[in-house]
Amino acid sequence: MAQVRSPRPVFVNFPLGHPCGKPHDKELQRSILKDALQYLVSATEPGKVLDLPYEWGEPFTFEGYFEGVEEMIKEEGWPMQDWEPRKGH
């Protein structure tokens, strides 16, 4: 985020795809959103990254991440999508 130089970046050390916390954790999601919005109005130094103190609470593994994504897709009733990188790129 520091390299992109966003004017008011907020960082939460959560797994990829979960910037506001675990699914269905409305209280945590609301807290993160409130902190991020407060930073929008209170930031005094452009580009300074606000590192929010929230913790994921369990070790992160890509296996667990993909299991969580699959579970979420099934709960939402979305069709699974296959993805492969373009050849030659």
N, C-alpha and C. Protein backbone atom coordinates (compact mmCIF):
# COMPACT_ATOMS: atom_id res chain seq x y z
N MET A 1 0.83 -1.19 0.00
CA MET A 1 0.00 0.00 0.00
C MET A 1 0.87 1.25 0.00
N ALA A 2 2.00 1.16 0.67
CA ALA A 2 2.88 2.33 0.72
C ALA A 2 3.42 2.66 -0.67
N GLN A 3 3.65 1.66 -1.50
CA GLN A 3 4.16 1.90 -2.85
C GLN A 3 3.10 2.51 -3.75
N VAL A 4 1.85 2.18 -3.54
CA VAL A 4 0.76 2.72 -4.35
C VAL A 4 0.51 4.18 -4.01
N ARG A 5 0.81 4.55 -2.77
CA ARG A 5 0.65 5.92 -2.28
C ARG A 5 -0.79 6.41 -2.29
N SER A 6 -1.66 5.58 -1.79
CA SER A 6 -3.05 6.02 -1.61
C SER A 6 -3.05 7.15 -0.61
N PRO A 7 -3.99 8.09 -0.72
CA PRO A 7 -3.98 9.23 0.20
C PRO A 7 -4.27 8.87 1.65
N ARG A 8 -5.12 7.87 1.91
CA ARG A 8 -5.47 7.50 3.29
C ARG A 8 -5.62 5.98 3.39
N PRO A 9 -4.53 5.24 3.24
CA PRO A 9 -4.64 3.78 3.25
C PRO A 9 -4.85 3.21 4.66
N VAL A 10 -5.66 2.16 4.72
CA VAL A 10 -5.92 1.46 5.97
C VAL A 10 -5.54 0.00 5.75
N PHE A 11 -4.76 -0.57 6.68
CA PHE A 11 -4.31 -1.95 6.57
C PHE A 11 -4.88 -2.77 7.72
N VAL A 12 -5.40 -3.94 7.37
CA VAL A 12 -5.86 -4.91 8.37
C VAL A 12 -5.16 -6.22 8.00
N ASN A 13 -4.42 -6.80 8.91
CA ASN A 13 -3.64 -8.00 8.63
C ASN A 13 -4.52 -9.24 8.66
N PHE A 14 -5.37 -9.34 7.65
CA PHE A 14 -6.27 -10.47 7.50
C PHE A 14 -5.93 -11.19 6.20
N PRO A 15 -6.35 -12.45 6.04
CA PRO A 15 -6.08 -13.18 4.81
C PRO A 15 -6.69 -12.48 3.58
N LEU A 16 -6.07 -12.71 2.46
CA LEU A 16 -6.51 -12.16 1.19
C LEU A 16 -8.00 -12.40 0.98
N GLY A 17 -8.71 -11.37 0.59
CA GLY A 17 -10.14 -11.49 0.32
C GLY A 17 -11.04 -11.27 1.51
N HIS A 18 -10.45 -11.01 2.67
CA HIS A 18 -11.23 -10.80 3.89
C HIS A 18 -10.84 -9.48 4.55
N PRO A 19 -10.91 -8.37 3.85
CA PRO A 19 -10.42 -7.11 4.42
C PRO A 19 -11.22 -6.62 5.62
N CYS A 20 -12.43 -7.11 5.76
CA CYS A 20 -13.26 -6.64 6.89
C CYS A 20 -13.59 -7.76 7.86
N GLY A 21 -12.89 -8.88 7.79
CA GLY A 21 -13.10 -9.93 8.77
C GLY A 21 -13.79 -11.16 8.22
N LYS A 22 -14.15 -12.02 9.14
CA LYS A 22 -14.77 -13.30 8.79
C LYS A 22 -16.23 -13.10 8.39
N PRO A 23 -16.73 -13.96 7.50
CA PRO A 23 -18.14 -13.86 7.12
C PRO A 23 -19.05 -13.95 8.35
N HIS A 24 -20.08 -13.18 8.36
CA HIS A 24 -21.13 -13.17 9.38
C HIS A 24 -20.70 -12.55 10.71
N ASP A 25 -19.49 -12.00 10.80
CA ASP A 25 -19.04 -11.34 12.04
C ASP A 25 -19.36 -9.85 11.90
N LYS A 26 -20.63 -9.53 12.02
CA LYS A 26 -21.09 -8.17 11.78
C LYS A 26 -20.48 -7.15 12.72
N GLU A 27 -20.27 -7.52 13.96
CA GLU A 27 -19.70 -6.58 14.94
C GLU A 27 -18.27 -6.19 14.55
N LEU A 28 -17.46 -7.17 14.19
CA LEU A 28 -16.09 -6.88 13.77
C LEU A 28 -16.08 -6.07 12.48
N GLN A 29 -16.89 -6.46 11.52
CA GLN A 29 -16.96 -5.75 10.24
C GLN A 29 -17.37 -4.30 10.45
N ARG A 30 -18.33 -4.07 11.32
CA ARG A 30 -18.79 -2.71 11.62
C ARG A 30 -17.67 -1.90 12.27
N SER A 31 -16.93 -2.50 13.19
CA SER A 31 -15.83 -1.81 13.86
C SER A 31 -14.73 -1.41 12.87
N ILE A 32 -14.38 -2.33 11.99
CA ILE A 32 -13.34 -2.03 11.00
C ILE A 32 -13.80 -0.91 10.08
N LEU A 33 -15.04 -0.97 9.63
CA LEU A 33 -15.57 0.07 8.75
C LEU A 33 -15.60 1.42 9.44
N LYS A 34 -16.04 1.45 10.69
CA LYS A 34 -16.07 2.71 11.44
C LYS A 34 -14.67 3.30 11.59
N ASP A 35 -13.68 2.44 11.92
CA ASP A 35 -12.31 2.92 12.06
C ASP A 35 -11.76 3.46 10.75
N ALA A 36 -12.05 2.77 9.66
CA ALA A 36 -11.57 3.22 8.35
C ALA A 36 -12.22 4.54 7.95
N LEU A 37 -13.51 4.68 8.18
CA LEU A 37 -14.20 5.93 7.84
C LEU A 37 -13.72 7.08 8.72
N GLN A 38 -13.47 6.80 9.99
CA GLN A 38 -12.94 7.83 10.88
C GLN A 38 -11.59 8.33 10.39
N TYR A 39 -10.78 7.40 9.88
CA TYR A 39 -9.46 7.78 9.36
C TYR A 39 -9.58 8.69 8.14
N LEU A 40 -10.64 8.50 7.36
CA LEU A 40 -10.85 9.36 6.19
C LEU A 40 -10.97 10.83 6.60
N VAL A 41 -11.59 11.08 7.73
CA VAL A 41 -11.80 12.46 8.16
C VAL A 41 -10.72 12.97 9.10
N SER A 42 -9.94 12.06 9.70
CA SER A 42 -8.96 12.52 10.69
C SER A 42 -7.51 12.47 10.22
N ALA A 43 -7.23 11.84 9.09
CA ALA A 43 -5.85 11.72 8.60
C ALA A 43 -5.26 13.11 8.35
N THR A 44 -4.04 13.30 8.81
CA THR A 44 -3.38 14.60 8.65
C THR A 44 -2.19 14.53 7.72
N GLU A 45 -1.71 13.32 7.44
CA GLU A 45 -0.52 13.14 6.60
C GLU A 45 -0.87 12.25 5.41
N PRO A 46 -0.89 12.77 4.19
CA PRO A 46 -1.22 11.95 3.03
C PRO A 46 -0.27 10.76 2.89
N GLY A 47 -0.83 9.59 2.60
CA GLY A 47 -0.04 8.41 2.36
C GLY A 47 0.35 7.63 3.60
N LYS A 48 0.11 8.16 4.79
CA LYS A 48 0.46 7.43 6.01
C LYS A 48 -0.53 6.28 6.18
N VAL A 49 0.01 5.07 6.34
CA VAL A 49 -0.82 3.87 6.45
C VAL A 49 -1.30 3.70 7.89
N LEU A 50 -2.60 3.58 8.05
CA LEU A 50 -3.18 3.27 9.36
C LEU A 50 -3.24 1.75 9.48
N ASP A 51 -2.50 1.19 10.43
CA ASP A 51 -2.47 -0.25 10.65
C ASP A 51 -3.43 -0.56 11.79
N LEU A 52 -4.61 -1.08 11.45
CA LEU A 52 -5.61 -1.37 12.48
C LEU A 52 -5.19 -2.60 13.29
N PRO A 53 -5.49 -2.62 14.59
CA PRO A 53 -4.97 -3.65 15.49
C PRO A 53 -5.77 -4.95 15.53
N TYR A 54 -6.69 -5.14 14.64
CA TYR A 54 -7.52 -6.35 14.69
C TYR A 54 -6.70 -7.58 14.34
N GLU A 55 -7.06 -8.71 14.96
CA GLU A 55 -6.36 -9.97 14.73
C GLU A 55 -7.33 -11.01 14.18
N TRP A 56 -6.84 -11.83 13.27
CA TRP A 56 -7.66 -12.87 12.65
C TRP A 56 -8.06 -13.94 13.65
N GLY A 57 -7.16 -14.27 14.57
CA GLY A 57 -7.50 -15.18 15.66
C GLY A 57 -7.17 -16.64 15.45
N GLU A 58 -6.67 -16.99 14.28
CA GLU A 58 -6.27 -18.36 14.03
C GLU A 58 -5.22 -18.36 12.93
N PRO A 59 -4.37 -19.39 12.89
CA PRO A 59 -3.33 -19.42 11.86
C PRO A 59 -3.94 -19.44 10.46
N PHE A 60 -3.28 -18.76 9.54
CA PHE A 60 -3.75 -18.71 8.15
C PHE A 60 -3.03 -19.77 7.33
N THR A 61 -3.81 -20.54 6.56
CA THR A 61 -3.26 -21.46 5.57
C THR A 61 -4.06 -21.28 4.29
N PHE A 62 -3.40 -21.49 3.16
CA PHE A 62 -4.14 -21.38 1.91
C PHE A 62 -5.17 -22.49 1.78
N GLU A 63 -4.89 -23.66 2.35
CA GLU A 63 -5.87 -24.75 2.32
C GLU A 63 -7.15 -24.31 3.04
N GLY A 64 -7.00 -23.73 4.23
CA GLY A 64 -8.16 -23.23 4.96
C GLY A 64 -8.85 -22.10 4.23
N TYR A 65 -8.06 -21.25 3.58
CA TYR A 65 -8.63 -20.14 2.82
C TYR A 65 -9.54 -20.66 1.71
N PHE A 66 -9.03 -21.62 0.93
CA PHE A 66 -9.82 -22.14 -0.18
C PHE A 66 -11.04 -22.91 0.31
N GLU A 67 -10.91 -23.59 1.44
CA GLU A 67 -12.07 -24.27 2.02
C GLU A 67 -13.14 -23.24 2.42
N GLY A 68 -12.71 -22.14 2.98
CA GLY A 68 -13.64 -21.07 3.36
C GLY A 68 -14.33 -20.46 2.16
N VAL A 69 -13.58 -20.27 1.08
CA VAL A 69 -14.17 -19.71 -0.14
C VAL A 69 -15.20 -20.68 -0.71
N GLU A 70 -14.86 -21.96 -0.76
CA GLU A 70 -15.81 -22.96 -1.26
C GLU A 70 -17.07 -23.00 -0.40
N GLU A 71 -16.89 -22.93 0.92
CA GLU A 71 -18.04 -22.94 1.83
C GLU A 71 -18.93 -21.72 1.58
N MET A 72 -18.31 -20.55 1.42
CA MET A 72 -19.07 -19.33 1.18
C MET A 72 -19.85 -19.42 -0.14
N ILE A 73 -19.21 -19.94 -1.18
CA ILE A 73 -19.86 -20.06 -2.48
C ILE A 73 -21.07 -21.00 -2.37
N LYS A 74 -20.90 -22.10 -1.66
CA LYS A 74 -22.02 -23.04 -1.49
C LYS A 74 -23.16 -22.40 -0.71
N GLU A 75 -22.82 -21.66 0.37
CA GLU A 75 -23.85 -20.99 1.17
C GLU A 75 -24.64 -19.98 0.34
N GLU A 76 -23.92 -19.26 -0.53
CA GLU A 76 -24.56 -18.23 -1.34
C GLU A 76 -25.27 -18.81 -2.55
N GLY A 77 -24.99 -20.07 -2.88
CA GLY A 77 -25.63 -20.70 -4.03
C GLY A 77 -25.04 -20.28 -5.36
N TRP A 78 -23.80 -19.83 -5.35
CA TRP A 78 -23.15 -19.42 -6.60
C TRP A 78 -22.56 -20.64 -7.29
N PRO A 79 -22.50 -20.61 -8.61
CA PRO A 79 -21.82 -21.71 -9.31
C PRO A 79 -20.31 -21.56 -9.16
N MET A 80 -19.60 -22.68 -9.05
CA MET A 80 -18.14 -22.65 -9.00
C MET A 80 -17.61 -22.25 -10.36
N GLN A 81 -16.55 -21.48 -10.37
CA GLN A 81 -15.93 -21.06 -11.61
C GLN A 81 -14.53 -21.65 -11.69
N ASP A 82 -14.22 -22.24 -12.83
CA ASP A 82 -12.85 -22.70 -13.06
C ASP A 82 -12.06 -21.53 -13.61
N TRP A 83 -10.82 -21.46 -13.20
CA TRP A 83 -9.97 -20.38 -13.68
C TRP A 83 -8.59 -20.93 -13.98
N GLU A 84 -8.07 -20.55 -15.11
CA GLU A 84 -6.71 -20.88 -15.47
C GLU A 84 -6.07 -19.65 -16.06
N PRO A 85 -4.77 -19.44 -15.77
CA PRO A 85 -4.12 -18.27 -16.36
C PRO A 85 -4.05 -18.38 -17.86
N ARG A 86 -4.05 -17.23 -18.51
CA ARG A 86 -3.92 -17.23 -19.97
C ARG A 86 -2.56 -17.77 -20.37
N LYS A 87 -2.54 -18.56 -21.39
CA LYS A 87 -1.28 -19.13 -21.85
C LYS A 87 -0.44 -18.04 -22.55
N GLY A 88 0.85 -18.08 -22.32
CA GLY A 88 1.73 -17.11 -22.97
C GLY A 88 1.88 -15.83 -22.20
N HIS A 89 1.32 -15.75 -21.00
CA HIS A 89 1.44 -14.51 -20.20
C HIS A 89 2.11 -14.79 -18.91
